[in-house]
């Protein structure tokens, strides 16, 4: 009985002077938005591709994808490199595609076939 009284007293004290919606559960949409914001903040930061410039990089390939920009899923190791060709301005064959390399982007300057060079940067927690 004293525990029940204590909880009820705590709720009343917490709500004293607050708006009625704050004690009655408030707006459901507002609560859901706050929960989503908290979940987004708690989610780990993702690696991302950052365009470095134009260059070429021979060897050290570990993957390939179609399209003229690197695939998000391939940015799975920090500081790896993607070299992409759009099939028009930058060509390596007739189609648009990307290759993924373990060579740092800073070393992709003198390869045989120049394309757009990207580096995979590790995610950073925006709260830090």
C-alpha atoms as a PDB file:
ATOM      1  CA  UNK A   1       0.000   0.000   0.000  1.00  0.00           C
ATOM      2  CA  UNK A   2       2.778   2.466   0.819  1.00  0.00           C
ATOM      3  CA  UNK A   3       4.501   1.717  -2.527  1.00  0.00           C
ATOM      4  CA  UNK A   4       1.277   2.478  -4.392  1.00  0.00           C
ATOM      5  CA  UNK A   5       0.820   5.701  -2.463  1.00  0.00           C
ATOM      6  CA  UNK A   6       4.454   6.655  -3.116  1.00  0.00           C
ATOM      7  CA  UNK A   7       4.110   6.140  -6.891  1.00  0.00           C
ATOM      8  CA  UNK A   8       0.865   8.096  -6.996  1.00  0.00           C
ATOM      9  CA  UNK A   9       2.430  10.900  -4.960  1.00  0.00           C
ATOM     10  CA  UNK A  10       5.455  10.974  -7.306  1.00  0.00           C
ATOM     11  CA  UNK A  11       3.209  11.277 -10.332  1.00  0.00           C
ATOM     12  CA  UNK A  12       1.207  14.076  -8.774  1.00  0.00           C
ATOM     13  CA  UNK A  13       4.339  15.936  -7.726  1.00  0.00           C
ATOM     14  CA  UNK A  14       5.860  15.539 -11.205  1.00  0.00           C
ATOM     15  CA  UNK A  15       2.686  16.849 -12.831  1.00  0.00           C
ATOM     16  CA  UNK A  16       2.092  19.723 -10.427  1.00  0.00           C
ATOM     17  CA  UNK A  17       2.197  22.917 -12.439  1.00  0.00           C
ATOM     18  CA  UNK A  18       2.590  21.090 -15.765  1.00  0.00           C
ATOM     19  CA  UNK A  19       0.150  21.289 -18.636  1.00  0.00           C
ATOM     20  CA  UNK A  20      -2.648  18.753 -18.511  1.00  0.00           C
ATOM     21  CA  UNK A  21      -1.400  16.981 -21.622  1.00  0.00           C
ATOM     22  CA  UNK A  22       1.965  16.363 -19.927  1.00  0.00           C
ATOM     23  CA  UNK A  23       0.291  14.259 -17.216  1.00  0.00           C
ATOM     24  CA  UNK A  24      -2.435  12.633 -19.247  1.00  0.00           C
ATOM     25  CA  UNK A  25      -0.054  11.054 -21.741  1.00  0.00           C
ATOM     26  CA  UNK A  26       0.129  14.061 -24.024  1.00  0.00           C
ATOM     27  CA  UNK A  27      -0.227  14.063 -27.748  1.00  0.00           C
ATOM     28  CA  UNK A  28       0.436  10.589 -29.176  1.00  0.00           C
ATOM     29  CA  UNK A  29       2.001  12.025 -32.333  1.00  0.00           C
ATOM     30  CA  UNK A  30       4.366  14.197 -30.318  1.00  0.00           C
ATOM     31  CA  UNK A  31       5.402  11.205 -28.222  1.00  0.00           C
ATOM     32  CA  UNK A  32       6.012   9.118 -31.333  1.00  0.00           C
ATOM     33  CA  UNK A  33       8.096  11.914 -32.873  1.00  0.00           C
ATOM     34  CA  UNK A  34      10.174  12.174 -29.701  1.00  0.00           C
ATOM     35  CA  UNK A  35      10.710   8.401 -29.693  1.00  0.00           C
ATOM     36  CA  UNK A  36      11.789   8.448 -33.352  1.00  0.00           C
ATOM     37  CA  UNK A  37      14.202  11.318 -32.707  1.00  0.00           C
ATOM     38  CA  UNK A  38      15.712   9.451 -29.768  1.00  0.00           C
ATOM     39  CA  UNK A  39      16.061   6.280 -31.847  1.00  0.00           C
ATOM     40  CA  UNK A  40      17.695   8.170 -34.722  1.00  0.00           C
ATOM     41  CA  UNK A  41      20.143   9.776 -32.344  1.00  0.00           C
ATOM     42  CA  UNK A  42      20.999   6.399 -30.815  1.00  0.00           C
ATOM     43  CA  UNK A  43      21.554   4.697 -34.196  1.00  0.00           C
ATOM     44  CA  UNK A  44      25.204   4.135 -35.061  1.00  0.00           C
ATOM     45  CA  UNK A  45      26.622   6.455 -37.686  1.00  0.00           C
ATOM     46  CA  UNK A  46      27.139   4.881 -41.096  1.00  0.00           C
ATOM     47  CA  UNK A  47      30.204   5.001 -43.296  1.00  0.00           C
ATOM     48  CA  UNK A  48      29.752   7.139 -46.403  1.00  0.00           C
ATOM     49  CA  UNK A  49      31.365   7.618 -49.788  1.00  0.00           C
ATOM     50  CA  UNK A  50      33.045  10.981 -50.328  1.00  0.00           C
ATOM     51  CA  UNK A  51      34.167  12.097 -53.784  1.00  0.00           C
ATOM     52  CA  UNK A  52      37.888  12.834 -53.860  1.00  0.00           C
ATOM     53  CA  UNK A  53      38.392  13.761 -57.509  1.00  0.00           C
ATOM     54  CA  UNK A  54      39.493  12.151 -60.763  1.00  0.00           C
ATOM     55  CA  UNK A  55      42.249   9.584 -60.868  1.00  0.00           C
ATOM     56  CA  UNK A  56      43.282   6.076 -61.734  1.00  0.00           C
ATOM     57  CA  UNK A  57      44.241   3.189 -59.549  1.00  0.00           C
ATOM     58  CA  UNK A  58      45.662  -0.117 -60.758  1.00  0.00           C
ATOM     59  CA  UNK A  59      45.295  -3.373 -58.790  1.00  0.00           C
ATOM     60  CA  UNK A  60      44.073  -4.161 -55.275  1.00  0.00           C
ATOM     61  CA  UNK A  61      40.450  -4.721 -56.400  1.00  0.00           C
ATOM     62  CA  UNK A  62      38.095  -6.488 -53.988  1.00  0.00           C
ATOM     63  CA  UNK A  63      34.695  -5.854 -55.583  1.00  0.00           C
ATOM     64  CA  UNK A  64      32.657  -4.444 -58.445  1.00  0.00           C
ATOM     65  CA  UNK A  65      29.179  -2.949 -58.968  1.00  0.00           C
ATOM     66  CA  UNK A  66      27.110  -1.585 -61.840  1.00  0.00           C
ATOM     67  CA  UNK A  67      26.267   2.115 -62.065  1.00  0.00           C
ATOM     68  CA  UNK A  68      28.240   5.337 -62.083  1.00  0.00           C
ATOM     69  CA  UNK A  69      28.369   5.852 -58.314  1.00  0.00           C
ATOM     70  CA  UNK A  70      29.589   3.590 -55.512  1.00  0.00           C
ATOM     71  CA  UNK A  71      27.100   1.383 -53.691  1.00  0.00           C
ATOM     72  CA  UNK A  72      26.477   2.225 -50.023  1.00  0.00           C
ATOM     73  CA  UNK A  73      26.826  -1.450 -49.037  1.00  0.00           C
ATOM     74  CA  UNK A  74      30.367  -1.521 -50.433  1.00  0.00           C
ATOM     75  CA  UNK A  75      31.458   1.227 -48.030  1.00  0.00           C
ATOM     76  CA  UNK A  76      31.969  -1.498 -45.446  1.00  0.00           C
ATOM     77  CA  UNK A  77      35.554  -0.758 -44.463  1.00  0.00           C
ATOM     78  CA  UNK A  78      36.774   2.664 -43.524  1.00  0.00           C
ATOM     79  CA  UNK A  79      39.153   4.368 -45.921  1.00  0.00           C
ATOM     80  CA  UNK A  80      38.753   1.968 -48.864  1.00  0.00           C
ATOM     81  CA  UNK A  81      38.489   3.439 -52.352  1.00  0.00           C
ATOM     82  CA  UNK A  82      36.002   3.270 -55.207  1.00  0.00           C
ATOM     83  CA  UNK A  83      36.817   4.264 -58.764  1.00  0.00           C
ATOM     84  CA  UNK A  84      33.743   4.746 -60.966  1.00  0.00           C
ATOM     85  CA  UNK A  85      33.228   5.303 -64.678  1.00  0.00           C
ATOM     86  CA  UNK A  86      30.050   6.806 -66.118  1.00  0.00           C
ATOM     87  CA  UNK A  87      30.596   5.317 -69.583  1.00  0.00           C
ATOM     88  CA  UNK A  88      30.606   8.795 -71.160  1.00  0.00           C
ATOM     89  CA  UNK A  89      32.996  11.366 -69.689  1.00  0.00           C
ATOM     90  CA  UNK A  90      35.021   8.728 -67.855  1.00  0.00           C
ATOM     91  CA  UNK A  91      35.192   5.409 -69.654  1.00  0.00           C
ATOM     92  CA  UNK A  92      36.498   1.975 -68.835  1.00  0.00           C
ATOM     93  CA  UNK A  93      34.520  -0.065 -71.334  1.00  0.00           C
ATOM     94  CA  UNK A  94      31.074   0.894 -72.563  1.00  0.00           C
ATOM     95  CA  UNK A  95      29.024   0.710 -69.370  1.00  0.00           C
ATOM     96  CA  UNK A  96      28.919   2.643 -66.120  1.00  0.00           C
ATOM     97  CA  UNK A  97      30.506   0.688 -63.259  1.00  0.00           C
ATOM     98  CA  UNK A  98      32.642   0.957 -60.150  1.00  0.00           C
ATOM     99  CA  UNK A  99      35.521  -1.029 -58.743  1.00  0.00           C
ATOM    100  CA  UNK A 100      36.441  -1.136 -55.061  1.00  0.00           C
ATOM    101  CA  UNK A 101      40.046  -1.121 -53.896  1.00  0.00           C
ATOM    102  CA  UNK A 102      42.060  -1.547 -50.740  1.00  0.00           C
ATOM    103  CA  UNK A 103      44.466   1.110 -52.032  1.00  0.00           C
ATOM    104  CA  UNK A 104      44.033   4.492 -50.290  1.00  0.00           C
ATOM    105  CA  UNK A 105      42.435   7.163 -52.502  1.00  0.00           C
ATOM    106  CA  UNK A 106      45.513   9.367 -52.063  1.00  0.00           C
ATOM    107  CA  UNK A 107      47.479   6.783 -54.078  1.00  0.00           C
ATOM    108  CA  UNK A 108      44.954   6.643 -56.956  1.00  0.00           C
ATOM    109  CA  UNK A 109      46.486   9.301 -59.159  1.00  0.00           C
ATOM    110  CA  UNK A 110      48.408   7.577 -61.948  1.00  0.00           C
ATOM    111  CA  UNK A 111      46.374   4.499 -62.915  1.00  0.00           C
ATOM    112  CA  UNK A 112      45.853   3.493 -66.517  1.00  0.00           C
ATOM    113  CA  UNK A 113      42.120   4.264 -66.664  1.00  0.00           C
ATOM    114  CA  UNK A 114      41.012   7.452 -64.940  1.00  0.00           C
ATOM    115  CA  UNK A 115      37.593   7.670 -63.279  1.00  0.00           C
ATOM    116  CA  UNK A 116      35.861   9.387 -60.396  1.00  0.00           C
ATOM    117  CA  UNK A 117      37.616   8.447 -57.137  1.00  0.00           C
ATOM    118  CA  UNK A 118      35.711   8.100 -53.861  1.00  0.00           C
ATOM    119  CA  UNK A 119      36.891   7.219 -50.373  1.00  0.00           C
ATOM    120  CA  UNK A 120      34.851   5.475 -47.704  1.00  0.00           C
ATOM    121  CA  UNK A 121      34.921   7.649 -44.600  1.00  0.00           C
ATOM    122  CA  UNK A 122      34.000   6.145 -41.272  1.00  0.00           C
ATOM    123  CA  UNK A 123      30.763   7.338 -39.736  1.00  0.00           C
ATOM    124  CA  UNK A 124      31.059   9.922 -37.007  1.00  0.00           C
ATOM    125  CA  UNK A 125      28.658  10.341 -34.136  1.00  0.00           C
ATOM    126  CA  UNK A 126      27.158  13.823 -34.615  1.00  0.00           C
ATOM    127  CA  UNK A 127      26.889  14.221 -30.829  1.00  0.00           C
ATOM    128  CA  UNK A 128      30.675  14.026 -30.407  1.00  0.00           C
END
